Amino acid sequence: MRQGLEPDLRTLGAPPDHRAPWVKVVGFLQHNWAVIAPSPQGSLIVFYGDTAGVFDWLLMDDQAQAEDALRRNGFERYEDGSELASAIPRPRGDFRFFEHPNGRIYSSGRFWK
């Protein structure tokens, strides 16, 4: 895990259309979402909430390391048509930066193994 450069949100697309999202249920009707975006330095995991507000990011060496880290930290791949997808709708709207009330919770290491 490495601190990544701030992601360029224009390259991630809108949440309903973004590449293979991951989701973690963190509370009643509250979810943290993630996408893995290619980066010149490796693979960038970008974290966002139910309103598409990006609040943290981590740089991994490659896609496989990013996927393993997400699984290890309680995220699961979100697949349209799955049971999970029938219970949890994807976030809507465009990505934007959002200050999480607890700061950068994953890159700080507080909630990341």
N, C-alpha and C. Protein backbone atom coordinates (compact mmCIF):
# COMPACT_ATOMS: atom_id res chain seq x y z
N MET A 1 0.85 -1.18 0.00
CA MET A 1 0.00 0.00 0.00
C MET A 1 0.89 1.23 0.00
N ARG A 2 0.56 2.16 -0.87
CA ARG A 2 1.30 3.41 -0.95
C ARG A 2 0.30 4.55 -1.05
N GLN A 3 0.69 5.70 -0.54
CA GLN A 3 -0.14 6.89 -0.72
C GLN A 3 -0.12 7.22 -2.21
N GLY A 4 -1.28 7.37 -2.80
CA GLY A 4 -1.36 7.69 -4.22
C GLY A 4 -1.56 9.16 -4.45
N LEU A 5 -1.28 9.56 -5.66
CA LEU A 5 -1.60 10.92 -6.05
C LEU A 5 -3.10 11.07 -6.10
N GLU A 6 -3.59 12.27 -5.92
CA GLU A 6 -5.02 12.52 -5.98
C GLU A 6 -5.56 12.05 -7.33
N PRO A 7 -6.62 11.25 -7.33
CA PRO A 7 -7.13 10.73 -8.60
C PRO A 7 -7.76 11.81 -9.47
N ASP A 8 -7.68 11.60 -10.78
CA ASP A 8 -8.36 12.48 -11.73
C ASP A 8 -9.77 11.91 -11.90
N LEU A 9 -10.75 12.54 -11.30
CA LEU A 9 -12.11 12.01 -11.29
C LEU A 9 -12.72 11.93 -12.69
N ARG A 10 -12.22 12.72 -13.61
CA ARG A 10 -12.76 12.69 -14.98
C ARG A 10 -12.51 11.35 -15.65
N THR A 11 -11.47 10.63 -15.25
CA THR A 11 -11.13 9.35 -15.88
C THR A 11 -11.91 8.19 -15.30
N LEU A 12 -12.65 8.39 -14.21
CA LEU A 12 -13.35 7.29 -13.56
C LEU A 12 -14.73 7.06 -14.13
N GLY A 13 -15.33 8.03 -14.79
CA GLY A 13 -16.68 7.89 -15.32
C GLY A 13 -17.72 8.16 -14.25
N ALA A 14 -18.97 8.11 -14.63
CA ALA A 14 -20.06 8.31 -13.68
C ALA A 14 -20.33 7.00 -12.96
N PRO A 15 -20.67 7.03 -11.68
CA PRO A 15 -20.86 5.80 -10.91
C PRO A 15 -21.74 4.74 -11.56
N PRO A 16 -22.87 5.06 -12.21
CA PRO A 16 -23.66 3.96 -12.78
C PRO A 16 -22.92 3.21 -13.89
N ASP A 17 -21.93 3.85 -14.49
CA ASP A 17 -21.24 3.24 -15.63
C ASP A 17 -19.79 2.88 -15.34
N HIS A 18 -19.31 3.12 -14.13
CA HIS A 18 -17.89 2.91 -13.89
C HIS A 18 -17.52 1.43 -13.91
N ARG A 19 -16.25 1.21 -14.04
CA ARG A 19 -15.72 -0.16 -14.11
C ARG A 19 -15.96 -0.91 -12.81
N ALA A 20 -16.20 -2.17 -12.88
CA ALA A 20 -16.36 -3.14 -11.80
C ALA A 20 -16.23 -2.59 -10.38
N PRO A 21 -17.31 -2.09 -9.81
CA PRO A 21 -17.22 -1.56 -8.45
C PRO A 21 -17.17 -2.64 -7.39
N TRP A 22 -16.67 -2.27 -6.23
CA TRP A 22 -16.64 -3.10 -5.04
C TRP A 22 -17.44 -2.36 -3.97
N VAL A 23 -18.03 -3.10 -3.02
CA VAL A 23 -18.83 -2.46 -1.99
C VAL A 23 -18.60 -3.14 -0.64
N LYS A 24 -18.69 -2.35 0.41
CA LYS A 24 -18.59 -2.84 1.78
C LYS A 24 -19.73 -2.21 2.58
N VAL A 25 -20.52 -3.06 3.23
CA VAL A 25 -21.59 -2.55 4.08
C VAL A 25 -20.93 -2.12 5.39
N VAL A 26 -21.08 -0.84 5.74
CA VAL A 26 -20.44 -0.32 6.96
C VAL A 26 -21.42 0.07 8.04
N GLY A 27 -22.70 0.02 7.72
CA GLY A 27 -23.72 0.36 8.71
C GLY A 27 -25.08 0.21 8.07
N PHE A 28 -26.10 0.43 8.85
CA PHE A 28 -27.45 0.34 8.33
C PHE A 28 -27.64 1.36 7.22
N LEU A 29 -27.89 0.87 6.02
CA LEU A 29 -28.08 1.71 4.83
C LEU A 29 -26.89 2.61 4.52
N GLN A 30 -25.70 2.18 4.90
CA GLN A 30 -24.48 2.94 4.58
C GLN A 30 -23.45 1.98 4.01
N HIS A 31 -22.85 2.40 2.89
CA HIS A 31 -21.90 1.55 2.19
C HIS A 31 -20.69 2.38 1.77
N ASN A 32 -19.55 1.73 1.74
CA ASN A 32 -18.37 2.32 1.14
C ASN A 32 -18.13 1.57 -0.16
N TRP A 33 -17.84 2.30 -1.19
CA TRP A 33 -17.64 1.77 -2.53
C TRP A 33 -16.19 1.98 -2.95
N ALA A 34 -15.74 1.18 -3.89
CA ALA A 34 -14.38 1.33 -4.42
C ALA A 34 -14.35 0.91 -5.88
N VAL A 35 -13.50 1.57 -6.62
CA VAL A 35 -13.15 1.13 -7.98
C VAL A 35 -11.63 1.10 -8.06
N ILE A 36 -11.15 0.23 -8.94
CA ILE A 36 -9.72 0.14 -9.18
C ILE A 36 -9.45 0.78 -10.53
N ALA A 37 -8.63 1.80 -10.52
CA ALA A 37 -8.31 2.53 -11.75
C ALA A 37 -6.84 2.35 -12.09
N PRO A 38 -6.54 2.13 -13.38
CA PRO A 38 -5.13 2.04 -13.76
C PRO A 38 -4.42 3.37 -13.52
N SER A 39 -3.18 3.27 -13.14
CA SER A 39 -2.36 4.45 -12.88
C SER A 39 -0.95 4.17 -13.41
N PRO A 40 -0.22 5.18 -13.82
CA PRO A 40 1.16 4.96 -14.28
C PRO A 40 2.04 4.31 -13.19
N GLN A 41 1.65 4.52 -11.91
CA GLN A 41 2.44 3.97 -10.81
C GLN A 41 1.93 2.60 -10.34
N GLY A 42 0.82 2.10 -10.87
CA GLY A 42 0.25 0.82 -10.44
C GLY A 42 -1.25 0.83 -10.62
N SER A 43 -1.96 0.40 -9.58
CA SER A 43 -3.43 0.41 -9.59
C SER A 43 -3.93 1.25 -8.43
N LEU A 44 -4.78 2.19 -8.72
CA LEU A 44 -5.28 3.12 -7.71
C LEU A 44 -6.68 2.67 -7.27
N ILE A 45 -6.84 2.39 -5.97
CA ILE A 45 -8.15 2.11 -5.43
C ILE A 45 -8.74 3.44 -4.99
N VAL A 46 -9.91 3.77 -5.53
CA VAL A 46 -10.59 5.02 -5.21
C VAL A 46 -11.84 4.68 -4.40
N PHE A 47 -11.96 5.25 -3.21
CA PHE A 47 -13.08 4.98 -2.30
C PHE A 47 -14.08 6.13 -2.34
N TYR A 48 -15.37 5.77 -2.33
CA TYR A 48 -16.42 6.78 -2.36
C TYR A 48 -17.64 6.26 -1.61
N GLY A 49 -18.53 7.18 -1.27
CA GLY A 49 -19.72 6.82 -0.51
C GLY A 49 -20.95 6.67 -1.39
N ASP A 50 -22.09 6.50 -0.76
CA ASP A 50 -23.35 6.29 -1.47
C ASP A 50 -23.78 7.47 -2.33
N THR A 51 -23.19 8.65 -2.11
CA THR A 51 -23.53 9.82 -2.92
C THR A 51 -22.44 10.14 -3.95
N ALA A 52 -21.54 9.17 -4.20
CA ALA A 52 -20.45 9.28 -5.17
C ALA A 52 -19.37 10.28 -4.75
N GLY A 53 -19.33 10.62 -3.48
CA GLY A 53 -18.28 11.51 -2.97
C GLY A 53 -17.01 10.74 -2.67
N VAL A 54 -15.93 11.04 -3.39
CA VAL A 54 -14.63 10.37 -3.21
C VAL A 54 -13.98 10.91 -1.95
N PHE A 55 -13.64 9.99 -1.01
CA PHE A 55 -13.08 10.43 0.26
C PHE A 55 -11.70 9.86 0.56
N ASP A 56 -11.21 8.93 -0.25
CA ASP A 56 -9.89 8.36 0.02
C ASP A 56 -9.41 7.59 -1.21
N TRP A 57 -8.12 7.27 -1.23
CA TRP A 57 -7.55 6.48 -2.31
C TRP A 57 -6.24 5.87 -1.83
N LEU A 58 -5.91 4.73 -2.43
CA LEU A 58 -4.68 4.00 -2.12
C LEU A 58 -4.05 3.51 -3.41
N LEU A 59 -2.75 3.52 -3.48
CA LEU A 59 -2.03 3.03 -4.64
C LEU A 59 -1.47 1.65 -4.34
N MET A 60 -1.76 0.69 -5.20
CA MET A 60 -1.25 -0.67 -5.07
C MET A 60 -0.33 -0.95 -6.26
N ASP A 61 0.49 -1.99 -6.13
CA ASP A 61 1.43 -2.31 -7.20
C ASP A 61 0.73 -2.73 -8.50
N ASP A 62 -0.38 -3.50 -8.37
CA ASP A 62 -1.07 -3.98 -9.56
C ASP A 62 -2.52 -4.34 -9.23
N GLN A 63 -3.27 -4.71 -10.24
CA GLN A 63 -4.69 -5.04 -10.10
C GLN A 63 -4.92 -6.19 -9.12
N ALA A 64 -4.11 -7.24 -9.21
CA ALA A 64 -4.29 -8.39 -8.32
C ALA A 64 -4.09 -8.00 -6.86
N GLN A 65 -3.08 -7.21 -6.57
CA GLN A 65 -2.84 -6.76 -5.20
C GLN A 65 -4.01 -5.90 -4.71
N ALA A 66 -4.54 -5.06 -5.58
CA ALA A 66 -5.67 -4.21 -5.20
C ALA A 66 -6.90 -5.06 -4.88
N GLU A 67 -7.19 -6.05 -5.71
CA GLU A 67 -8.35 -6.92 -5.46
C GLU A 67 -8.18 -7.71 -4.17
N ASP A 68 -7.00 -8.26 -3.94
CA ASP A 68 -6.74 -9.00 -2.69
C ASP A 68 -6.93 -8.10 -1.47
N ALA A 69 -6.44 -6.88 -1.55
CA ALA A 69 -6.56 -5.94 -0.42
C ALA A 69 -8.02 -5.60 -0.15
N LEU A 70 -8.79 -5.38 -1.20
CA LEU A 70 -10.22 -5.08 -1.02
C LEU A 70 -10.93 -6.25 -0.33
N ARG A 71 -10.67 -7.47 -0.80
CA ARG A 71 -11.30 -8.66 -0.17
C ARG A 71 -10.89 -8.77 1.30
N ARG A 72 -9.62 -8.60 1.56
CA ARG A 72 -9.09 -8.72 2.93
C ARG A 72 -9.72 -7.70 3.88
N ASN A 73 -10.18 -6.59 3.31
CA ASN A 73 -10.75 -5.51 4.12
C ASN A 73 -12.28 -5.45 4.05
N GLY A 74 -12.90 -6.55 3.66
CA GLY A 74 -14.35 -6.67 3.74
C GLY A 74 -15.14 -6.16 2.56
N PHE A 75 -14.49 -5.82 1.46
CA PHE A 75 -15.20 -5.40 0.26
C PHE A 75 -15.52 -6.62 -0.59
N GLU A 76 -16.61 -6.56 -1.31
CA GLU A 76 -16.93 -7.61 -2.28
C GLU A 76 -17.30 -6.99 -3.61
N ARG A 77 -17.03 -7.73 -4.66
CA ARG A 77 -17.32 -7.21 -6.01
C ARG A 77 -18.82 -7.08 -6.18
N TYR A 78 -19.22 -5.97 -6.73
CA TYR A 78 -20.63 -5.67 -6.99
C TYR A 78 -20.93 -6.06 -8.42
N GLU A 79 -21.85 -6.97 -8.60
CA GLU A 79 -22.19 -7.42 -9.95
C GLU A 79 -23.67 -7.19 -10.20
N ASP A 80 -23.98 -6.52 -11.30
CA ASP A 80 -25.38 -6.28 -11.67
C ASP A 80 -26.09 -7.62 -11.76
N GLY A 81 -27.32 -7.67 -11.25
CA GLY A 81 -28.10 -8.88 -11.30
C GLY A 81 -27.87 -9.83 -10.13
N SER A 82 -26.89 -9.53 -9.28
CA SER A 82 -26.61 -10.39 -8.13
C SER A 82 -27.59 -10.09 -7.00
N GLU A 83 -27.59 -10.96 -6.00
CA GLU A 83 -28.44 -10.74 -4.84
C GLU A 83 -28.05 -9.44 -4.13
N LEU A 84 -26.75 -9.20 -4.05
CA LEU A 84 -26.26 -7.95 -3.44
C LEU A 84 -26.80 -6.74 -4.19
N ALA A 85 -26.74 -6.80 -5.52
CA ALA A 85 -27.21 -5.67 -6.34
C ALA A 85 -28.72 -5.45 -6.19
N SER A 86 -29.46 -6.50 -5.92
CA SER A 86 -30.90 -6.32 -5.76
C SER A 86 -31.23 -5.61 -4.45
N ALA A 87 -30.32 -5.66 -3.49
CA ALA A 87 -30.55 -5.03 -2.18
C ALA A 87 -29.89 -3.66 -2.05
N ILE A 88 -28.82 -3.43 -2.81
CA ILE A 88 -28.05 -2.19 -2.67
C ILE A 88 -27.92 -1.53 -4.04
N PRO A 89 -28.54 -0.38 -4.25
CA PRO A 89 -28.39 0.29 -5.55
C PRO A 89 -27.04 0.98 -5.67
N ARG A 90 -26.56 1.07 -6.91
CA ARG A 90 -25.31 1.80 -7.16
C ARG A 90 -25.52 3.28 -6.87
N PRO A 91 -24.46 3.97 -6.45
CA PRO A 91 -24.55 5.43 -6.30
C PRO A 91 -24.86 6.09 -7.65
N ARG A 92 -25.55 7.20 -7.59
CA ARG A 92 -25.90 7.96 -8.79
C ARG A 92 -25.20 9.32 -8.75
N GLY A 93 -24.97 9.88 -9.92
CA GLY A 93 -24.35 11.19 -10.00
C GLY A 93 -22.89 11.10 -10.40
N ASP A 94 -22.26 12.23 -10.56
CA ASP A 94 -20.85 12.29 -10.95
C ASP A 94 -19.96 12.23 -9.72
N PHE A 95 -18.77 11.67 -9.90
CA PHE A 95 -17.80 11.67 -8.81
C PHE A 95 -17.41 13.10 -8.47
N ARG A 96 -17.18 13.34 -7.19
CA ARG A 96 -16.65 14.62 -6.72
C ARG A 96 -15.91 14.31 -5.42
N PHE A 97 -15.03 15.19 -5.03
CA PHE A 97 -14.31 14.98 -3.77
C PHE A 97 -15.22 15.31 -2.61
N PHE A 98 -15.07 14.56 -1.52
CA PHE A 98 -15.91 14.69 -0.34
C PHE A 98 -15.04 14.48 0.89
N GLU A 99 -15.13 15.34 1.85
CA GLU A 99 -14.38 15.21 3.10
C GLU A 99 -15.16 14.27 4.02
N HIS A 100 -14.62 13.08 4.25
CA HIS A 100 -15.26 12.11 5.14
C HIS A 100 -15.17 12.64 6.57
N PRO A 101 -16.23 12.48 7.38
CA PRO A 101 -16.19 13.00 8.76
C PRO A 101 -15.02 12.45 9.58
N ASN A 102 -14.55 11.26 9.22
CA ASN A 102 -13.42 10.65 9.94
C ASN A 102 -12.10 10.75 9.18
N GLY A 103 -12.06 11.59 8.17
CA GLY A 103 -10.83 11.78 7.40
C GLY A 103 -10.61 10.66 6.39
N ARG A 104 -9.35 10.48 6.01
CA ARG A 104 -9.00 9.45 5.02
C ARG A 104 -8.84 8.13 5.77
N ILE A 105 -9.94 7.45 5.98
CA ILE A 105 -9.99 6.30 6.89
C ILE A 105 -9.20 5.10 6.42
N TYR A 106 -9.03 4.90 5.13
CA TYR A 106 -8.30 3.73 4.65
C TYR A 106 -6.80 4.02 4.49
N SER A 107 -6.45 5.11 3.84
CA SER A 107 -5.03 5.40 3.63
C SER A 107 -4.31 5.73 4.94
N SER A 108 -5.06 6.13 5.96
CA SER A 108 -4.44 6.39 7.26
C SER A 108 -4.06 5.10 7.97
N GLY A 109 -4.64 3.98 7.53
CA GLY A 109 -4.38 2.69 8.15
C GLY A 109 -5.33 2.34 9.28
N ARG A 110 -6.18 3.28 9.68
CA ARG A 110 -7.09 3.02 10.80
C ARG A 110 -8.08 1.89 10.50
N PHE A 111 -8.56 1.82 9.28
CA PHE A 111 -9.53 0.80 8.92
C PHE A 111 -9.05 -0.01 7.71
N TRP A 112 -7.75 -0.27 7.67
CA TRP A 112 -7.17 -1.00 6.55
C TRP A 112 -6.14 -1.99 7.06
N LYS A 113 -6.28 -3.25 6.65
CA LYS A 113 -5.33 -4.31 7.05
C LYS A 113 -4.32 -4.55 5.95
